[in-house]
């Protein structure tokens, strides 16, 4: 996975099977019926989803 700046200076997250704008990816993650939290190796919360269930 990598992040690039695409057309119109929009950031894209690129996977082997496709790509999302950062706004599209955030919308997908917030739509999933699960809570997602990412904690880094320094025990800091780096991301959490904002689903309806939260």
PDB file of N, CA and C in Angstrom:
ATOM      1  N   UNK A   1       0.842  -1.161   0.000  1.00  0.00           N
ATOM      2  CA  UNK A   1       0.000   0.000   0.000  1.00  0.00           C
ATOM      3  C   UNK A   1       0.891   1.229   0.000  1.00  0.00           C
ATOM      4  N   UNK A   2       0.472   2.229  -0.739  1.00  0.00           N
ATOM      5  CA  UNK A   2       1.202   3.490  -0.734  1.00  0.00           C
ATOM      6  C   UNK A   2       0.228   4.635  -0.936  1.00  0.00           C
ATOM      7  N   UNK A   3       0.694   5.825  -0.605  1.00  0.00           N
ATOM      8  CA  UNK A   3      -0.133   7.010  -0.779  1.00  0.00           C
ATOM      9  C   UNK A   3       0.540   7.896  -1.809  1.00  0.00           C
ATOM     10  N   UNK A   4      -0.244   8.362  -2.767  1.00  0.00           N
ATOM     11  CA  UNK A   4       0.288   9.263  -3.779  1.00  0.00           C
ATOM     12  C   UNK A   4      -0.637  10.461  -3.909  1.00  0.00           C
ATOM     13  N   UNK A   5      -0.132  11.520  -4.474  1.00  0.00           N
ATOM     14  CA  UNK A   5      -0.979  12.662  -4.797  1.00  0.00           C
ATOM     15  C   UNK A   5      -1.388  12.494  -6.243  1.00  0.00           C
ATOM     16  N   UNK A   6      -2.693  12.366  -6.459  1.00  0.00           N
ATOM     17  CA  UNK A   6      -3.206  12.119  -7.793  1.00  0.00           C
ATOM     18  C   UNK A   6      -3.681  13.397  -8.459  1.00  0.00           C
ATOM     19  N   UNK A   7      -4.583  13.226  -9.385  1.00  0.00           N
ATOM     20  CA  UNK A   7      -5.155  14.352 -10.114  1.00  0.00           C
ATOM     21  C   UNK A   7      -5.793  15.337  -9.144  1.00  0.00           C
ATOM     22  N   UNK A   8      -5.743  16.586  -9.482  1.00  0.00           N
ATOM     23  CA  UNK A   8      -6.354  17.659  -8.699  1.00  0.00           C
ATOM     24  C   UNK A   8      -5.805  17.704  -7.275  1.00  0.00           C
ATOM     25  N   UNK A   9      -4.557  17.249  -7.078  1.00  0.00           N
ATOM     26  CA  UNK A   9      -3.903  17.250  -5.766  1.00  0.00           C
ATOM     27  C   UNK A   9      -4.667  16.468  -4.701  1.00  0.00           C
ATOM     28  N   UNK A  10      -5.430  15.461  -5.118  1.00  0.00           N
ATOM     29  CA  UNK A  10      -6.136  14.605  -4.165  1.00  0.00           C
ATOM     30  C   UNK A  10      -5.221  13.461  -3.771  1.00  0.00           C
ATOM     31  N   UNK A  11      -5.134  13.180  -2.485  1.00  0.00           N
ATOM     32  CA  UNK A  11      -4.321  12.059  -2.025  1.00  0.00           C
ATOM     33  C   UNK A  11      -5.042  10.756  -2.329  1.00  0.00           C
ATOM     34  N   UNK A  12      -4.295   9.788  -2.825  1.00  0.00           N
ATOM     35  CA  UNK A  12      -4.819   8.470  -3.151  1.00  0.00           C
ATOM     36  C   UNK A  12      -4.087   7.424  -2.319  1.00  0.00           C
ATOM     37  N   UNK A  13      -4.812   6.425  -1.843  1.00  0.00           N
ATOM     38  CA  UNK A  13      -4.220   5.275  -1.179  1.00  0.00           C
ATOM     39  C   UNK A  13      -4.281   4.142  -2.188  1.00  0.00           C
ATOM     40  N   UNK A  14      -3.119   3.617  -2.552  1.00  0.00           N
ATOM     41  CA  UNK A  14      -3.029   2.636  -3.631  1.00  0.00           C
ATOM     42  C   UNK A  14      -2.758   1.252  -3.052  1.00  0.00           C
ATOM     43  N   UNK A  15      -3.609   0.283  -3.417  1.00  0.00           N
ATOM     44  CA  UNK A  15      -3.461  -1.115  -3.034  1.00  0.00           C
ATOM     45  C   UNK A  15      -3.136  -1.921  -4.283  1.00  0.00           C
ATOM     46  N   UNK A  16      -2.800  -3.193  -4.111  1.00  0.00           N
ATOM     47  CA  UNK A  16      -2.528  -4.051  -5.270  1.00  0.00           C
ATOM     48  C   UNK A  16      -3.752  -4.196  -6.166  1.00  0.00           C
ATOM     49  N   UNK A  17      -4.949  -4.119  -5.583  1.00  0.00           N
ATOM     50  CA  UNK A  17      -6.166  -4.383  -6.350  1.00  0.00           C
ATOM     51  C   UNK A  17      -6.967  -3.140  -6.706  1.00  0.00           C
ATOM     52  N   UNK A  18      -6.467  -1.962  -6.369  1.00  0.00           N
ATOM     53  CA  UNK A  18      -7.197  -0.743  -6.705  1.00  0.00           C
ATOM     54  C   UNK A  18      -6.736   0.421  -5.859  1.00  0.00           C
ATOM     55  N   UNK A  19      -7.490   1.506  -5.907  1.00  0.00           N
ATOM     56  CA  UNK A  19      -7.114   2.695  -5.147  1.00  0.00           C
ATOM     57  C   UNK A  19      -8.345   3.463  -4.706  1.00  0.00           C
ATOM     58  N   UNK A  20      -8.175   4.251  -3.653  1.00  0.00           N
ATOM     59  CA  UNK A  20      -9.216   5.109  -3.097  1.00  0.00           C
ATOM     60  C   UNK A  20      -8.626   6.497  -2.889  1.00  0.00           C
ATOM     61  N   UNK A  21      -9.475   7.511  -2.953  1.00  0.00           N
ATOM     62  CA  UNK A  21      -9.046   8.796  -2.406  1.00  0.00           C
ATOM     63  C   UNK A  21      -9.115   8.633  -0.890  1.00  0.00           C
ATOM     64  N   UNK A  22      -8.419   9.479  -0.153  1.00  0.00           N
ATOM     65  CA  UNK A  22      -8.463   9.352   1.305  1.00  0.00           C
ATOM     66  C   UNK A  22      -9.882   9.580   1.829  1.00  0.00           C
ATOM     67  N   UNK A  23     -10.633  10.448   1.197  1.00  0.00           N
ATOM     68  CA  UNK A  23     -12.026  10.674   1.609  1.00  0.00           C
ATOM     69  C   UNK A  23     -12.891   9.451   1.341  1.00  0.00           C
ATOM     70  N   UNK A  24     -12.686   8.797   0.197  1.00  0.00           N
ATOM     71  CA  UNK A  24     -13.444   7.582  -0.113  1.00  0.00           C
ATOM     72  C   UNK A  24     -13.123   6.469   0.878  1.00  0.00           C
ATOM     73  N   UNK A  25     -11.842   6.283   1.185  1.00  0.00           N
ATOM     74  CA  UNK A  25     -11.444   5.230   2.118  1.00  0.00           C
ATOM     75  C   UNK A  25     -12.030   5.482   3.502  1.00  0.00           C
ATOM     76  N   UNK A  26     -11.995   6.718   3.958  1.00  0.00           N
ATOM     77  CA  UNK A  26     -12.571   7.041   5.262  1.00  0.00           C
ATOM     78  C   UNK A  26     -14.073   6.760   5.279  1.00  0.00           C
ATOM     79  N   UNK A  27     -14.773   7.094   4.204  1.00  0.00           N
ATOM     80  CA  UNK A  27     -16.209   6.827   4.122  1.00  0.00           C
ATOM     81  C   UNK A  27     -16.493   5.329   4.165  1.00  0.00           C
ATOM     82  N   UNK A  28     -15.693   4.537   3.458  1.00  0.00           N
ATOM     83  CA  UNK A  28     -15.871   3.078   3.474  1.00  0.00           C
ATOM     84  C   UNK A  28     -15.650   2.542   4.883  1.00  0.00           C
ATOM     85  N   UNK A  29     -14.561   2.942   5.530  1.00  0.00           N
ATOM     86  CA  UNK A  29     -14.264   2.450   6.882  1.00  0.00           C
ATOM     87  C   UNK A  29     -15.342   2.849   7.881  1.00  0.00           C
ATOM     88  N   UNK A  30     -15.914   4.032   7.729  1.00  0.00           N
ATOM     89  CA  UNK A  30     -16.963   4.482   8.641  1.00  0.00           C
ATOM     90  C   UNK A  30     -18.305   3.827   8.357  1.00  0.00           C
ATOM     91  N   UNK A  31     -18.464   3.212   7.192  1.00  0.00           N
ATOM     92  CA  UNK A  31     -19.712   2.549   6.821  1.00  0.00           C
ATOM     93  C   UNK A  31     -19.753   1.095   7.281  1.00  0.00           C
ATOM     94  N   UNK A  32     -18.594   0.471   7.446  1.00  0.00           N
ATOM     95  CA  UNK A  32     -18.543  -0.928   7.866  1.00  0.00           C
ATOM     96  C   UNK A  32     -19.190  -1.093   9.241  1.00  0.00           C
ATOM     97  N   UNK A  33     -19.933  -2.196   9.447  1.00  0.00           N
ATOM     98  CA  UNK A  33     -20.634  -2.392  10.725  1.00  0.00           C
ATOM     99  C   UNK A  33     -19.723  -2.944  11.831  1.00  0.00           C
ATOM    100  N   UNK A  34     -18.508  -2.420  11.923  1.00  0.00           N
ATOM    101  CA  UNK A  34     -17.551  -2.822  12.962  1.00  0.00           C
ATOM    102  C   UNK A  34     -16.805  -1.577  13.436  1.00  0.00           C
ATOM    103  N   UNK A  35     -16.283  -1.647  14.652  1.00  0.00           N
ATOM    104  CA  UNK A  35     -15.408  -0.584  15.143  1.00  0.00           C
ATOM    105  C   UNK A  35     -13.981  -0.942  14.778  1.00  0.00           C
ATOM    106  N   UNK A  36     -13.253   0.003  14.237  1.00  0.00           N
ATOM    107  CA  UNK A  36     -11.856  -0.211  13.871  1.00  0.00           C
ATOM    108  C   UNK A  36     -11.014   0.801  14.639  1.00  0.00           C
ATOM    109  N   UNK A  37     -10.008   0.299  15.350  1.00  0.00           N
ATOM    110  CA  UNK A  37      -9.062   1.160  16.053  1.00  0.00           C
ATOM    111  C   UNK A  37      -7.664   0.682  15.724  1.00  0.00           C
ATOM    112  N   UNK A  38      -6.793   1.614  15.373  1.00  0.00           N
ATOM    113  CA  UNK A  38      -5.391   1.279  15.121  1.00  0.00           C
ATOM    114  C   UNK A  38      -4.538   1.953  16.182  1.00  0.00           C
ATOM    115  N   UNK A  39      -3.742   1.135  16.901  1.00  0.00           N
ATOM    116  CA  UNK A  39      -2.833   1.623  17.931  1.00  0.00           C
ATOM    117  C   UNK A  39      -1.422   1.309  17.464  1.00  0.00           C
ATOM    118  N   UNK A  40      -0.541   2.313  17.441  1.00  0.00           N
ATOM    119  CA  UNK A  40       0.817   2.091  16.944  1.00  0.00           C
ATOM    120  C   UNK A  40       1.702   1.428  18.002  1.00  0.00           C
ATOM    121  N   UNK A  41       2.940   1.166  17.644  1.00  0.00           N
ATOM    122  CA  UNK A  41       3.853   0.450  18.548  1.00  0.00           C
ATOM    123  C   UNK A  41       4.196   1.245  19.798  1.00  0.00           C
ATOM    124  N   UNK A  42       3.927   2.543  19.786  1.00  0.00           N
ATOM    125  CA  UNK A  42       4.155   3.367  20.977  1.00  0.00           C
ATOM    126  C   UNK A  42       2.885   3.516  21.803  1.00  0.00           C
ATOM    127  N   UNK A  43       1.901   2.668  21.510  1.00  0.00           N
ATOM    128  CA  UNK A  43       0.634   2.602  22.235  1.00  0.00           C
ATOM    129  C   UNK A  43      -0.200   3.874  22.096  1.00  0.00           C
ATOM    130  N   UNK A  44      -0.091   4.521  20.949  1.00  0.00           N
ATOM    131  CA  UNK A  44      -0.898   5.709  20.660  1.00  0.00           C
ATOM    132  C   UNK A  44      -1.995   5.335  19.675  1.00  0.00           C
ATOM    133  N   UNK A  45      -3.192   5.810  19.947  1.00  0.00           N
ATOM    134  CA  UNK A  45      -4.289   5.596  19.002  1.00  0.00           C
ATOM    135  C   UNK A  45      -4.029   6.492  17.806  1.00  0.00           C
ATOM    136  N   UNK A  46      -3.896   5.879  16.630  1.00  0.00           N
ATOM    137  CA  UNK A  46      -3.603   6.625  15.410  1.00  0.00           C
ATOM    138  C   UNK A  46      -4.843   6.805  14.540  1.00  0.00           C
ATOM    139  N   UNK A  47      -5.814   5.894  14.693  1.00  0.00           N
ATOM    140  CA  UNK A  47      -7.035   5.978  13.891  1.00  0.00           C
ATOM    141  C   UNK A  47      -8.140   5.234  14.615  1.00  0.00           C
ATOM    142  N   UNK A  48      -9.361   5.751  14.506  1.00  0.00           N
ATOM    143  CA  UNK A  48     -10.535   4.980  14.902  1.00  0.00           C
ATOM    144  C   UNK A  48     -11.674   5.351  13.970  1.00  0.00           C
ATOM    145  N   UNK A  49     -12.487   4.351  13.662  1.00  0.00           N
ATOM    146  CA  UNK A  49     -13.615   4.587  12.759  1.00  0.00           C
ATOM    147  C   UNK A  49     -14.729   5.295  13.519  1.00  0.00           C
ATOM    148  N   UNK A  50     -15.579   5.960  12.772  1.00  0.00           N
ATOM    149  CA  UNK A  50     -16.690   6.694  13.364  1.00  0.00           C
ATOM    150  C   UNK A  50     -18.003   6.103  12.872  1.00  0.00           C
ATOM    151  N   UNK A  51     -18.137   4.792  13.049  1.00  0.00           N
ATOM    152  CA  UNK A  51     -19.345   4.109  12.588  1.00  0.00           C
ATOM    153  C   UNK A  51     -20.540   4.478  13.465  1.00  0.00           C
ATOM    154  N   UNK A  52     -21.723   4.158  12.986  1.00  0.00           N
ATOM    155  CA  UNK A  52     -22.948   4.434  13.740  1.00  0.00           C
ATOM    156  C   UNK A  52     -22.969   3.684  15.064  1.00  0.00           C
ATOM    157  N   UNK A  53     -22.278   2.538  15.116  1.00  0.00           N
ATOM    158  CA  UNK A  53     -22.271   1.691  16.303  1.00  0.00           C
ATOM    159  C   UNK A  53     -21.439   2.293  17.437  1.00  0.00           C
ATOM    160  N   UNK A  54     -20.575   3.217  17.155  1.00  0.00           N
ATOM    161  CA  UNK A  54     -19.641   3.763  18.161  1.00  0.00           C
ATOM    162  C   UNK A  54     -20.330   4.766  19.052  1.00  0.00           C
TER     163      UNK A  54
END
